């Protein structure tokens, strides 16, 4: 499996001032519910899932997503944002086992 917590974030290359655009993100994560059993041992696979995703733009919080174990493996998230200026988009996310990650992307507004 690819490294847990690795993220791919996409924003449009060209964004006009005042435009509402979509931020798209995929995170590499197993997203185990805690209800499945290992086929070889019959033992439960411990719960391991992303429980919080926060979006910041130029150090101001845009939105918070609280998630749980019912989301699929390698989850996809998308949020919309209105472009007012160029800056840095930072996405911070964590899982229920204490894993913490951060991904940043430059946003260019013309």
PDB file of N, CA and C in Angstrom:
ATOM      1  N   UNK A   1       0.843  -1.171   0.000  1.00  0.00           N
ATOM      2  CA  UNK A   1       0.000   0.000   0.000  1.00  0.00           C
ATOM      3  C   UNK A   1       0.891   1.238   0.000  1.00  0.00           C
ATOM      4  N   UNK A   2       0.432   2.267  -0.675  1.00  0.00           N
ATOM      5  CA  UNK A   2       1.157   3.538  -0.691  1.00  0.00           C
ATOM      6  C   UNK A   2       1.199   4.107   0.729  1.00  0.00           C
ATOM      7  N   UNK A   3       2.077   5.035   0.935  1.00  0.00           N
ATOM      8  CA  UNK A   3       2.268   5.649   2.246  1.00  0.00           C
ATOM      9  C   UNK A   3       0.961   6.268   2.766  1.00  0.00           C
ATOM     10  N   UNK A   4       0.574   5.921   3.981  1.00  0.00           N
ATOM     11  CA  UNK A   4      -0.639   6.472   4.599  1.00  0.00           C
ATOM     12  C   UNK A   4      -0.475   7.975   4.781  1.00  0.00           C
ATOM     13  N   UNK A   5      -1.539   8.711   4.490  1.00  0.00           N
ATOM     14  CA  UNK A   5      -1.550  10.154   4.688  1.00  0.00           C
ATOM     15  C   UNK A   5      -1.103  10.970   3.500  1.00  0.00           C
ATOM     16  N   UNK A   6      -0.593  10.312   2.460  1.00  0.00           N
ATOM     17  CA  UNK A   6      -0.173  11.046   1.255  1.00  0.00           C
ATOM     18  C   UNK A   6      -1.420  11.633   0.596  1.00  0.00           C
ATOM     19  N   UNK A   7      -1.342  12.890   0.176  1.00  0.00           N
ATOM     20  CA  UNK A   7      -2.509  13.548  -0.421  1.00  0.00           C
ATOM     21  C   UNK A   7      -2.181  14.131  -1.786  1.00  0.00           C
ATOM     22  N   UNK A   8      -3.178  14.110  -2.633  1.00  0.00           N
ATOM     23  CA  UNK A   8      -3.111  14.784  -3.927  1.00  0.00           C
ATOM     24  C   UNK A   8      -4.204  15.846  -3.891  1.00  0.00           C
ATOM     25  N   UNK A   9      -3.815  17.098  -4.129  1.00  0.00           N
ATOM     26  CA  UNK A   9      -4.761  18.213  -4.101  1.00  0.00           C
ATOM     27  C   UNK A   9      -4.753  18.888  -5.459  1.00  0.00           C
ATOM     28  N   UNK A  10      -5.937  19.172  -5.970  1.00  0.00           N
ATOM     29  CA  UNK A  10      -6.054  19.873  -7.252  1.00  0.00           C
ATOM     30  C   UNK A  10      -6.903  21.113  -7.094  1.00  0.00           C
ATOM     31  N   UNK A  11      -6.392  22.194  -7.676  1.00  0.00           N
ATOM     32  CA  UNK A  11      -7.150  23.449  -7.804  1.00  0.00           C
ATOM     33  C   UNK A  11      -6.971  23.894  -9.256  1.00  0.00           C
ATOM     34  N   UNK A  12      -7.895  24.672  -9.799  1.00  0.00           N
ATOM     35  CA  UNK A  12      -7.742  25.134 -11.181  1.00  0.00           C
ATOM     36  C   UNK A  12      -6.471  25.967 -11.354  1.00  0.00           C
ATOM     37  N   UNK A  13      -5.866  25.878 -12.536  1.00  0.00           N
ATOM     38  CA  UNK A  13      -4.666  26.666 -12.836  1.00  0.00           C
ATOM     39  C   UNK A  13      -4.998  28.137 -13.010  1.00  0.00           C
ATOM     40  N   UNK A  14      -6.161  28.429 -13.608  1.00  0.00           N
ATOM     41  CA  UNK A  14      -6.588  29.811 -13.825  1.00  0.00           C
ATOM     42  C   UNK A  14      -7.839  30.086 -13.012  1.00  0.00           C
ATOM     43  N   UNK A  15      -7.722  31.064 -12.130  1.00  0.00           N
ATOM     44  CA  UNK A  15      -8.852  31.445 -11.289  1.00  0.00           C
ATOM     45  C   UNK A  15      -9.001  32.960 -11.377  1.00  0.00           C
ATOM     46  N   UNK A  16     -10.201  33.419 -11.668  1.00  0.00           N
ATOM     47  CA  UNK A  16     -10.477  34.858 -11.743  1.00  0.00           C
ATOM     48  C   UNK A  16     -10.942  35.354 -10.381  1.00  0.00           C
ATOM     49  N   UNK A  17     -10.639  36.609 -10.084  1.00  0.00           N
ATOM     50  CA  UNK A  17     -11.075  37.205  -8.832  1.00  0.00           C
ATOM     51  C   UNK A  17     -12.601  37.167  -8.762  1.00  0.00           C
ATOM     52  N   UNK A  18     -13.126  36.678  -7.639  1.00  0.00           N
ATOM     53  CA  UNK A  18     -14.563  36.557  -7.451  1.00  0.00           C
ATOM     54  C   UNK A  18     -15.141  35.220  -7.895  1.00  0.00           C
ATOM     55  N   UNK A  19     -14.346  34.394  -8.564  1.00  0.00           N
ATOM     56  CA  UNK A  19     -14.807  33.089  -9.057  1.00  0.00           C
ATOM     57  C   UNK A  19     -14.910  32.090  -7.907  1.00  0.00           C
ATOM     58  N   UNK A  20     -15.957  31.270  -7.924  1.00  0.00           N
ATOM     59  CA  UNK A  20     -16.073  30.148  -6.995  1.00  0.00           C
ATOM     60  C   UNK A  20     -15.433  28.951  -7.690  1.00  0.00           C
ATOM     61  N   UNK A  21     -14.448  28.334  -7.020  1.00  0.00           N
ATOM     62  CA  UNK A  21     -13.751  27.200  -7.624  1.00  0.00           C
ATOM     63  C   UNK A  21     -13.750  26.013  -6.669  1.00  0.00           C
ATOM     64  N   UNK A  22     -13.459  24.829  -7.228  1.00  0.00           N
ATOM     65  CA  UNK A  22     -13.483  23.597  -6.447  1.00  0.00           C
ATOM     66  C   UNK A  22     -12.072  23.166  -6.065  1.00  0.00           C
ATOM     67  N   UNK A  23     -11.919  22.812  -4.790  1.00  0.00           N
ATOM     68  CA  UNK A  23     -10.687  22.212  -4.274  1.00  0.00           C
ATOM     69  C   UNK A  23     -10.976  20.715  -4.184  1.00  0.00           C
ATOM     70  N   UNK A  24     -10.154  19.897  -4.846  1.00  0.00           N
ATOM     71  CA  UNK A  24     -10.344  18.446  -4.844  1.00  0.00           C
ATOM     72  C   UNK A  24      -9.142  17.781  -4.187  1.00  0.00           C
ATOM     73  N   UNK A  25      -9.407  16.746  -3.387  1.00  0.00           N
ATOM     74  CA  UNK A  25      -8.330  16.104  -2.638  1.00  0.00           C
ATOM     75  C   UNK A  25      -8.608  14.614  -2.474  1.00  0.00           C
ATOM     76  N   UNK A  26      -7.566  13.809  -2.658  1.00  0.00           N
ATOM     77  CA  UNK A  26      -7.618  12.376  -2.388  1.00  0.00           C
ATOM     78  C   UNK A  26      -6.517  12.078  -1.381  1.00  0.00           C
ATOM     79  N   UNK A  27      -6.847  11.323  -0.333  1.00  0.00           N
ATOM     80  CA  UNK A  27      -5.878  10.967   0.703  1.00  0.00           C
ATOM     81  C   UNK A  27      -5.689   9.449   0.699  1.00  0.00           C
ATOM     82  N   UNK A  28      -4.437   9.006   0.685  1.00  0.00           N
ATOM     83  CA  UNK A  28      -4.137   7.586   0.773  1.00  0.00           C
ATOM     84  C   UNK A  28      -4.315   7.155   2.228  1.00  0.00           C
ATOM     85  N   UNK A  29      -5.318   6.335   2.466  1.00  0.00           N
ATOM     86  CA  UNK A  29      -5.605   5.895   3.836  1.00  0.00           C
ATOM     87  C   UNK A  29      -6.487   4.644   3.790  1.00  0.00           C
ATOM     88  N   UNK A  30      -6.248   3.649   4.677  1.00  0.00           N
ATOM     89  CA  UNK A  30      -7.032   2.402   4.625  1.00  0.00           C
ATOM     90  C   UNK A  30      -8.494   2.547   5.045  1.00  0.00           C
ATOM     91  N   UNK A  31      -8.810   3.512   5.893  1.00  0.00           N
ATOM     92  CA  UNK A  31     -10.188   3.773   6.330  1.00  0.00           C
ATOM     93  C   UNK A  31     -10.885   2.496   6.812  1.00  0.00           C
ATOM     94  N   UNK A  32     -10.314   1.841   7.803  1.00  0.00           N
ATOM     95  CA  UNK A  32     -10.904   0.631   8.386  1.00  0.00           C
ATOM     96  C   UNK A  32     -11.969   1.001   9.408  1.00  0.00           C
ATOM     97  N   UNK A  33     -13.096   0.321   9.356  1.00  0.00           N
ATOM     98  CA  UNK A  33     -14.223   0.617  10.246  1.00  0.00           C
ATOM     99  C   UNK A  33     -14.086  -0.004  11.629  1.00  0.00           C
ATOM    100  N   UNK A  34     -13.287  -1.060  11.735  1.00  0.00           N
ATOM    101  CA  UNK A  34     -13.185  -1.800  12.988  1.00  0.00           C
ATOM    102  C   UNK A  34     -14.161  -2.966  13.041  1.00  0.00           C
ATOM    103  N   UNK A  35     -14.932  -3.142  11.975  1.00  0.00           N
ATOM    104  CA  UNK A  35     -15.946  -4.205  11.940  1.00  0.00           C
ATOM    105  C   UNK A  35     -15.558  -5.373  11.043  1.00  0.00           C
ATOM    106  N   UNK A  36     -14.517  -5.190  10.217  1.00  0.00           N
ATOM    107  CA  UNK A  36     -14.080  -6.292   9.349  1.00  0.00           C
ATOM    108  C   UNK A  36     -13.153  -7.229  10.115  1.00  0.00           C
ATOM    109  N   UNK A  37     -13.071  -8.472   9.635  1.00  0.00           N
ATOM    110  CA  UNK A  37     -12.158  -9.441  10.231  1.00  0.00           C
ATOM    111  C   UNK A  37     -11.084  -9.817   9.225  1.00  0.00           C
ATOM    112  N   UNK A  38      -9.891 -10.075   9.756  1.00  0.00           N
ATOM    113  CA  UNK A  38      -8.782 -10.555   8.936  1.00  0.00           C
ATOM    114  C   UNK A  38      -9.144 -11.945   8.430  1.00  0.00           C
ATOM    115  N   UNK A  39      -9.070 -12.167   7.117  1.00  0.00           N
ATOM    116  CA  UNK A  39      -9.471 -13.449   6.532  1.00  0.00           C
ATOM    117  C   UNK A  39      -8.592 -14.602   6.994  1.00  0.00           C
ATOM    118  N   UNK A  40      -7.324 -14.340   7.275  1.00  0.00           N
ATOM    119  CA  UNK A  40      -6.400 -15.404   7.695  1.00  0.00           C
ATOM    120  C   UNK A  40      -6.550 -15.764   9.166  1.00  0.00           C
ATOM    121  N   UNK A  41      -6.691 -14.756  10.025  1.00  0.00           N
ATOM    122  CA  UNK A  41      -6.707 -15.013  11.467  1.00  0.00           C
ATOM    123  C   UNK A  41      -8.103 -15.008  12.077  1.00  0.00           C
ATOM    124  N   UNK A  42      -9.048 -14.385  11.417  1.00  0.00           N
ATOM    125  CA  UNK A  42     -10.392 -14.259  11.962  1.00  0.00           C
ATOM    126  C   UNK A  42     -10.510 -13.168  13.018  1.00  0.00           C
ATOM    127  N   UNK A  43      -9.410 -12.482  13.283  1.00  0.00           N
ATOM    128  CA  UNK A  43      -9.405 -11.419  14.283  1.00  0.00           C
ATOM    129  C   UNK A  43      -9.928 -10.109  13.671  1.00  0.00           C
ATOM    130  N   UNK A  44     -10.592  -9.284  14.495  1.00  0.00           N
ATOM    131  CA  UNK A  44     -11.067  -7.989  13.979  1.00  0.00           C
ATOM    132  C   UNK A  44      -9.892  -7.098  13.561  1.00  0.00           C
ATOM    133  N   UNK A  45     -10.079  -6.367  12.471  1.00  0.00           N
ATOM    134  CA  UNK A  45      -9.086  -5.379  12.037  1.00  0.00           C
ATOM    135  C   UNK A  45      -9.426  -4.096  12.781  1.00  0.00           C
ATOM    136  N   UNK A  46      -8.480  -3.540  13.546  1.00  0.00           N
ATOM    137  CA  UNK A  46      -8.784  -2.347  14.341  1.00  0.00           C
ATOM    138  C   UNK A  46      -9.233  -1.170  13.482  1.00  0.00           C
ATOM    139  N   UNK A  47     -10.117  -0.349  14.045  1.00  0.00           N
ATOM    140  CA  UNK A  47     -10.584   0.857  13.356  1.00  0.00           C
ATOM    141  C   UNK A  47      -9.404   1.788  13.093  1.00  0.00           C
ATOM    142  N   UNK A  48      -9.361   2.351  11.893  1.00  0.00           N
ATOM    143  CA  UNK A  48      -8.297   3.277  11.496  1.00  0.00           C
ATOM    144  C   UNK A  48      -8.866   4.144  10.384  1.00  0.00           C
ATOM    145  N   UNK A  49      -9.239   5.373  10.717  1.00  0.00           N
ATOM    146  CA  UNK A  49      -9.907   6.219   9.732  1.00  0.00           C
ATOM    147  C   UNK A  49      -9.600   7.693   9.987  1.00  0.00           C
ATOM    148  N   UNK A  50      -9.750   8.487   8.951  1.00  0.00           N
ATOM    149  CA  UNK A  50      -9.587   9.938   9.053  1.00  0.00           C
ATOM    150  C   UNK A  50     -10.812  10.483   9.780  1.00  0.00           C
ATOM    151  N   UNK A  51     -10.582  11.317  10.801  1.00  0.00           N
ATOM    152  CA  UNK A  51     -11.718  11.856  11.539  1.00  0.00           C
ATOM    153  C   UNK A  51     -11.833  13.376  11.468  1.00  0.00           C
ATOM    154  N   UNK A  52     -10.837  14.051  10.888  1.00  0.00           N
ATOM    155  CA  UNK A  52     -10.900  15.507  10.802  1.00  0.00           C
ATOM    156  C   UNK A  52     -10.089  15.998   9.610  1.00  0.00           C
ATOM    157  N   UNK A  53     -10.689  16.912   8.830  1.00  0.00           N
ATOM    158  CA  UNK A  53     -10.002  17.564   7.716  1.00  0.00           C
ATOM    159  C   UNK A  53     -10.312  19.058   7.837  1.00  0.00           C
ATOM    160  N   UNK A  54      -9.269  19.893   7.870  1.00  0.00           N
ATOM    161  CA  UNK A  54      -9.457  21.339   7.994  1.00  0.00           C
ATOM    162  C   UNK A  54      -8.787  22.050   6.819  1.00  0.00           C
ATOM    163  N   UNK A  55      -9.487  23.023   6.255  1.00  0.00           N
ATOM    164  CA  UNK A  55      -8.988  23.800   5.125  1.00  0.00           C
ATOM    165  C   UNK A  55      -8.728  25.228   5.589  1.00  0.00           C
ATOM    166  N   UNK A  56      -7.525  25.737   5.294  1.00  0.00           N
ATOM    167  CA  UNK A  56      -7.140  27.108   5.642  1.00  0.00           C
ATOM    168  C   UNK A  56      -6.661  27.816   4.374  1.00  0.00           C
ATOM    169  N   UNK A  57      -6.957  29.099   4.269  1.00  0.00           N
ATOM    170  CA  UNK A  57      -6.439  29.896   3.163  1.00  0.00           C
ATOM    171  C   UNK A  57      -5.847  31.163   3.754  1.00  0.00           C
ATOM    172  N   UNK A  58      -4.563  31.389   3.489  1.00  0.00           N
ATOM    173  CA  UNK A  58      -3.830  32.528   4.052  1.00  0.00           C
ATOM    174  C   UNK A  58      -4.068  32.635   5.563  1.00  0.00           C
ATOM    175  N   UNK A  59      -3.902  31.506   6.232  1.00  0.00           N
ATOM    176  CA  UNK A  59      -4.006  31.394   7.696  1.00  0.00           C
ATOM    177  C   UNK A  59      -5.407  31.613   8.267  1.00  0.00           C
ATOM    178  N   UNK A  60      -6.432  31.642   7.427  1.00  0.00           N
ATOM    179  CA  UNK A  60      -7.813  31.732   7.913  1.00  0.00           C
ATOM    180  C   UNK A  60      -8.536  30.435   7.580  1.00  0.00           C
ATOM    181  N   UNK A  61      -9.229  29.889   8.573  1.00  0.00           N
ATOM    182  CA  UNK A  61      -9.948  28.634   8.356  1.00  0.00           C
ATOM    183  C   UNK A  61     -11.122  28.855   7.410  1.00  0.00           C
ATOM    184  N   UNK A  62     -11.216  28.004   6.394  1.00  0.00           N
ATOM    185  CA  UNK A  62     -12.322  28.044   5.426  1.00  0.00           C
ATOM    186  C   UNK A  62     -13.446  27.142   5.908  1.00  0.00           C
ATOM    187  N   UNK A  63     -13.079  25.891   6.235  1.00  0.00           N
ATOM    188  CA  UNK A  63     -14.093  24.925   6.661  1.00  0.00           C
ATOM    189  C   UNK A  63     -13.436  23.762   7.386  1.00  0.00           C
ATOM    190  N   UNK A  64     -14.262  23.025   8.113  1.00  0.00           N
ATOM    191  CA  UNK A  64     -13.836  21.826   8.827  1.00  0.00           C
ATOM    192  C   UNK A  64     -14.758  20.687   8.429  1.00  0.00           C
ATOM    193  N   UNK A  65     -14.178  19.527   8.119  1.00  0.00           N
ATOM    194  CA  UNK A  65     -14.950  18.325   7.826  1.00  0.00           C
ATOM    195  C   UNK A  65     -14.677  17.312   8.928  1.00  0.00           C
ATOM    196  N   UNK A  66     -15.706  16.871   9.612  1.00  0.00           N
ATOM    197  CA  UNK A  66     -15.578  15.813  10.613  1.00  0.00           C
ATOM    198  C   UNK A  66     -16.107  14.549   9.955  1.00  0.00           C
ATOM    199  N   UNK A  67     -15.254  13.539   9.884  1.00  0.00           N
ATOM    200  CA  UNK A  67     -15.600  12.320   9.167  1.00  0.00           C
ATOM    201  C   UNK A  67     -15.544  11.121  10.108  1.00  0.00           C
ATOM    202  N   UNK A  68     -15.883   9.958   9.596  1.00  0.00           N
ATOM    203  CA  UNK A  68     -15.904   8.758  10.422  1.00  0.00           C
ATOM    204  C   UNK A  68     -15.546   7.525   9.623  1.00  0.00           C
ATOM    205  N   UNK A  69     -15.749   6.360  10.207  1.00  0.00           N
ATOM    206  CA  UNK A  69     -15.310   5.110   9.588  1.00  0.00           C
ATOM    207  C   UNK A  69     -16.122   4.666   8.379  1.00  0.00           C
ATOM    208  N   UNK A  70     -17.236   5.295   8.089  1.00  0.00           N
ATOM    209  CA  UNK A  70     -18.091   4.862   6.976  1.00  0.00           C
ATOM    210  C   UNK A  70     -17.625   5.384   5.621  1.00  0.00           C
ATOM    211  N   UNK A  71     -16.505   6.082   5.558  1.00  0.00           N
ATOM    212  CA  UNK A  71     -15.985   6.608   4.292  1.00  0.00           C
ATOM    213  C   UNK A  71     -15.041   5.576   3.672  1.00  0.00           C
ATOM    214  N   UNK A  72     -15.046   5.492   2.353  1.00  0.00           N
ATOM    215  CA  UNK A  72     -14.271   4.476   1.647  1.00  0.00           C
ATOM    216  C   UNK A  72     -12.756   4.669   1.767  1.00  0.00           C
ATOM    217  N   UNK A  73     -12.034   3.614   1.463  1.00  0.00           N
ATOM    218  CA  UNK A  73     -10.579   3.631   1.412  1.00  0.00           C
ATOM    219  C   UNK A  73     -10.117   4.713   0.432  1.00  0.00           C
ATOM    220  N   UNK A  74      -9.013   5.385   0.746  1.00  0.00           N
ATOM    221  CA  UNK A  74      -8.460   6.461  -0.091  1.00  0.00           C
ATOM    222  C   UNK A  74      -9.544   7.489  -0.437  1.00  0.00           C
ATOM    223  N   UNK A  75     -10.082   8.149   0.578  1.00  0.00           N
ATOM    224  CA  UNK A  75     -11.241   9.033   0.366  1.00  0.00           C
ATOM    225  C   UNK A  75     -10.952  10.262  -0.494  1.00  0.00           C
ATOM    226  N   UNK A  76     -11.999  10.686  -1.172  1.00  0.00           N
ATOM    227  CA  UNK A  76     -12.000  11.882  -2.010  1.00  0.00           C
ATOM    228  C   UNK A  76     -12.833  12.937  -1.298  1.00  0.00           C
ATOM    229  N   UNK A  77     -12.288  14.147  -1.193  1.00  0.00           N
ATOM    230  CA  UNK A  77     -13.004  15.274  -0.606  1.00  0.00           C
ATOM    231  C   UNK A  77     -12.999  16.419  -1.614  1.00  0.00           C
ATOM    232  N   UNK A  78     -14.075  17.194  -1.626  1.00  0.00           N
ATOM    233  CA  UNK A  78     -14.135  18.379  -2.483  1.00  0.00           C
ATOM    234  C   UNK A  78     -14.898  19.470  -1.748  1.00  0.00           C
ATOM    235  N   UNK A  79     -14.357  20.672  -1.787  1.00  0.00           N
ATOM    236  CA  UNK A  79     -15.035  21.840  -1.210  1.00  0.00           C
ATOM    237  C   UNK A  79     -14.910  22.985  -2.203  1.00  0.00           C
ATOM    238  N   UNK A  80     -15.826  23.929  -2.103  1.00  0.00           N
ATOM    239  CA  UNK A  80     -15.773  25.102  -2.971  1.00  0.00           C
ATOM    240  C   UNK A  80     -15.357  26.312  -2.165  1.00  0.00           C
ATOM    241  N   UNK A  81     -14.687  27.229  -2.861  1.00  0.00           N
ATOM    242  CA  UNK A  81     -14.179  28.432  -2.227  1.00  0.00           C
ATOM    243  C   UNK A  81     -14.284  29.588  -3.212  1.00  0.00           C
ATOM    244  N   UNK A  82     -14.528  30.781  -2.724  1.00  0.00           N
ATOM    245  CA  UNK A  82     -14.568  31.965  -3.567  1.00  0.00           C
ATOM    246  C   UNK A  82     -13.186  32.612  -3.582  1.00  0.00           C
ATOM    247  N   UNK A  83     -12.699  32.899  -4.775  1.00  0.00           N
ATOM    248  CA  UNK A  83     -11.370  33.496  -4.940  1.00  0.00           C
ATOM    249  C   UNK A  83     -11.428  35.000  -4.751  1.00  0.00           C
ATOM    250  N   UNK A  84     -10.670  35.502  -3.780  1.00  0.00           N
ATOM    251  CA  UNK A  84     -10.597  36.956  -3.578  1.00  0.00           C
ATOM    252  C   UNK A  84      -9.172  37.471  -3.756  1.00  0.00           C
ATOM    253  N   UNK A  85      -8.201  36.565  -3.549  1.00  0.00           N
ATOM    254  CA  UNK A  85      -6.787  36.932  -3.676  1.00  0.00           C
ATOM    255  C   UNK A  85      -5.950  35.674  -3.835  1.00  0.00           C
ATOM    256  N   UNK A  86      -4.725  35.843  -4.299  1.00  0.00           N
ATOM    257  CA  UNK A  86      -3.786  34.724  -4.385  1.00  0.00           C
ATOM    258  C   UNK A  86      -3.291  34.398  -2.986  1.00  0.00           C
ATOM    259  N   UNK A  87      -2.836  33.172  -2.805  1.00  0.00           N
ATOM    260  CA  UNK A  87      -2.302  32.797  -1.502  1.00  0.00           C
ATOM    261  C   UNK A  87      -2.011  31.322  -1.401  1.00  0.00           C
ATOM    262  N   UNK A  88      -1.916  30.855  -0.167  1.00  0.00           N
ATOM    263  CA  UNK A  88      -1.587  29.460   0.113  1.00  0.00           C
ATOM    264  C   UNK A  88      -2.768  28.766   0.769  1.00  0.00           C
ATOM    265  N   UNK A  89      -3.150  27.646   0.182  1.00  0.00           N
ATOM    266  CA  UNK A  89      -4.184  26.786   0.735  1.00  0.00           C
ATOM    267  C   UNK A  89      -3.469  25.709   1.542  1.00  0.00           C
ATOM    268  N   UNK A  90      -3.825  25.560   2.806  1.00  0.00           N
ATOM    269  CA  UNK A  90      -3.243  24.519   3.653  1.00  0.00           C
ATOM    270  C   UNK A  90      -4.373  23.612   4.116  1.00  0.00           C
ATOM    271  N   UNK A  91      -4.168  22.307   3.961  1.00  0.00           N
ATOM    272  CA  UNK A  91      -5.153  21.327   4.397  1.00  0.00           C
ATOM    273  C   UNK A  91      -4.483  20.460   5.452  1.00  0.00           C
ATOM    274  N   UNK A  92      -5.068  20.452   6.638  1.00  0.00           N
ATOM    275  CA  UNK A  92      -4.562  19.634   7.742  1.00  0.00           C
ATOM    276  C   UNK A  92      -5.585  18.540   8.018  1.00  0.00           C
ATOM    277  N   UNK A  93      -5.092  17.323   8.229  1.00  0.00           N
ATOM    278  CA  UNK A  93      -6.001  16.210   8.480  1.00  0.00           C
ATOM    279  C   UNK A  93      -5.357  15.232   9.448  1.00  0.00           C
ATOM    280  N   UNK A  94      -6.213  14.482  10.141  1.00  0.00           N
ATOM    281  CA  UNK A  94      -5.717  13.541  11.148  1.00  0.00           C
ATOM    282  C   UNK A  94      -6.587  12.287  11.137  1.00  0.00           C
ATOM    283  N   UNK A  95      -6.058  11.230  11.756  1.00  0.00           N
ATOM    284  CA  UNK A  95      -6.856  10.015  11.882  1.00  0.00           C
ATOM    285  C   UNK A  95      -7.034   9.651  13.354  1.00  0.00           C
ATOM    286  N   UNK A  96      -7.843   8.647  13.594  1.00  0.00           N
ATOM    287  CA  UNK A  96      -8.198   8.265  14.959  1.00  0.00           C
ATOM    288  C   UNK A  96      -7.053   7.585  15.717  1.00  0.00           C
ATOM    289  N   UNK A  97      -5.942   7.309  15.055  1.00  0.00           N
ATOM    290  CA  UNK A  97      -4.789   6.690  15.723  1.00  0.00           C
ATOM    291  C   UNK A  97      -3.679   7.705  15.998  1.00  0.00           C
ATOM    292  N   UNK A  98      -3.987   8.987  15.824  1.00  0.00           N
ATOM    293  CA  UNK A  98      -2.999  10.020  16.129  1.00  0.00           C
ATOM    294  C   UNK A  98      -2.157  10.482  14.954  1.00  0.00           C
ATOM    295  N   UNK A  99      -2.380   9.918  13.767  1.00  0.00           N
ATOM    296  CA  UNK A  99      -1.655  10.379  12.580  1.00  0.00           C
ATOM    297  C   UNK A  99      -2.090  11.795  12.217  1.00  0.00           C
ATOM    298  N   UNK A 100      -1.106  12.654  11.917  1.00  0.00           N
ATOM    299  CA  UNK A 100      -1.407  14.033  11.517  1.00  0.00           C
ATOM    300  C   UNK A 100      -0.595  14.366  10.280  1.00  0.00           C
ATOM    301  N   UNK A 101      -1.247  15.041   9.317  1.00  0.00           N
ATOM    302  CA  UNK A 101      -0.606  15.401   8.069  1.00  0.00           C
ATOM    303  C   UNK A 101      -1.025  16.793   7.645  1.00  0.00           C
ATOM    304  N   UNK A 102      -0.276  17.331   6.693  1.00  0.00           N
ATOM    305  CA  UNK A 102      -0.578  18.658   6.164  1.00  0.00           C
ATOM    306  C   UNK A 102      -0.153  18.702   4.708  1.00  0.00           C
ATOM    307  N   UNK A 103      -0.946  19.353   3.899  1.00  0.00           N
ATOM    308  CA  UNK A 103      -0.636  19.531   2.478  1.00  0.00           C
ATOM    309  C   UNK A 103      -0.912  20.986   2.136  1.00  0.00           C
ATOM    310  N   UNK A 104       0.020  21.616   1.410  1.00  0.00           N
ATOM    311  CA  UNK A 104      -0.207  23.010   1.013  1.00  0.00           C
ATOM    312  C   UNK A 104      -0.099  23.142  -0.504  1.00  0.00           C
ATOM    313  N   UNK A 105      -0.876  24.098  -1.042  1.00  0.00           N
ATOM    314  CA  UNK A 105      -0.936  24.346  -2.474  1.00  0.00           C
ATOM    315  C   UNK A 105      -1.038  25.851  -2.681  1.00  0.00           C
ATOM    316  N   UNK A 106      -0.309  26.359  -3.659  1.00  0.00           N
ATOM    317  CA  UNK A 106      -0.409  27.769  -4.015  1.00  0.00           C
ATOM    318  C   UNK A 106      -1.649  27.972  -4.886  1.00  0.00           C
ATOM    319  N   UNK A 107      -2.382  29.047  -4.625  1.00  0.00           N
ATOM    320  CA  UNK A 107      -3.557  29.402  -5.406  1.00  0.00           C
ATOM    321  C   UNK A 107      -3.269  30.760  -6.031  1.00  0.00           C
ATOM    322  N   UNK A 108      -3.395  30.816  -7.356  1.00  0.00           N
ATOM    323  CA  UNK A 108      -3.097  32.044  -8.074  1.00  0.00           C
ATOM    324  C   UNK A 108      -4.376  32.642  -8.648  1.00  0.00           C
ATOM    325  N   UNK A 109      -4.706  33.860  -8.223  1.00  0.00           N
ATOM    326  CA  UNK A 109      -5.913  34.561  -8.666  1.00  0.00           C
ATOM    327  C   UNK A 109      -5.492  35.728  -9.555  1.00  0.00           C
ATOM    328  N   UNK A 110      -6.149  35.829 -10.722  1.00  0.00           N
ATOM    329  CA  UNK A 110      -5.809  36.945 -11.618  1.00  0.00           C
ATOM    330  C   UNK A 110      -6.992  37.860 -11.837  1.00  0.00           C
TER     331      UNK A 110
END
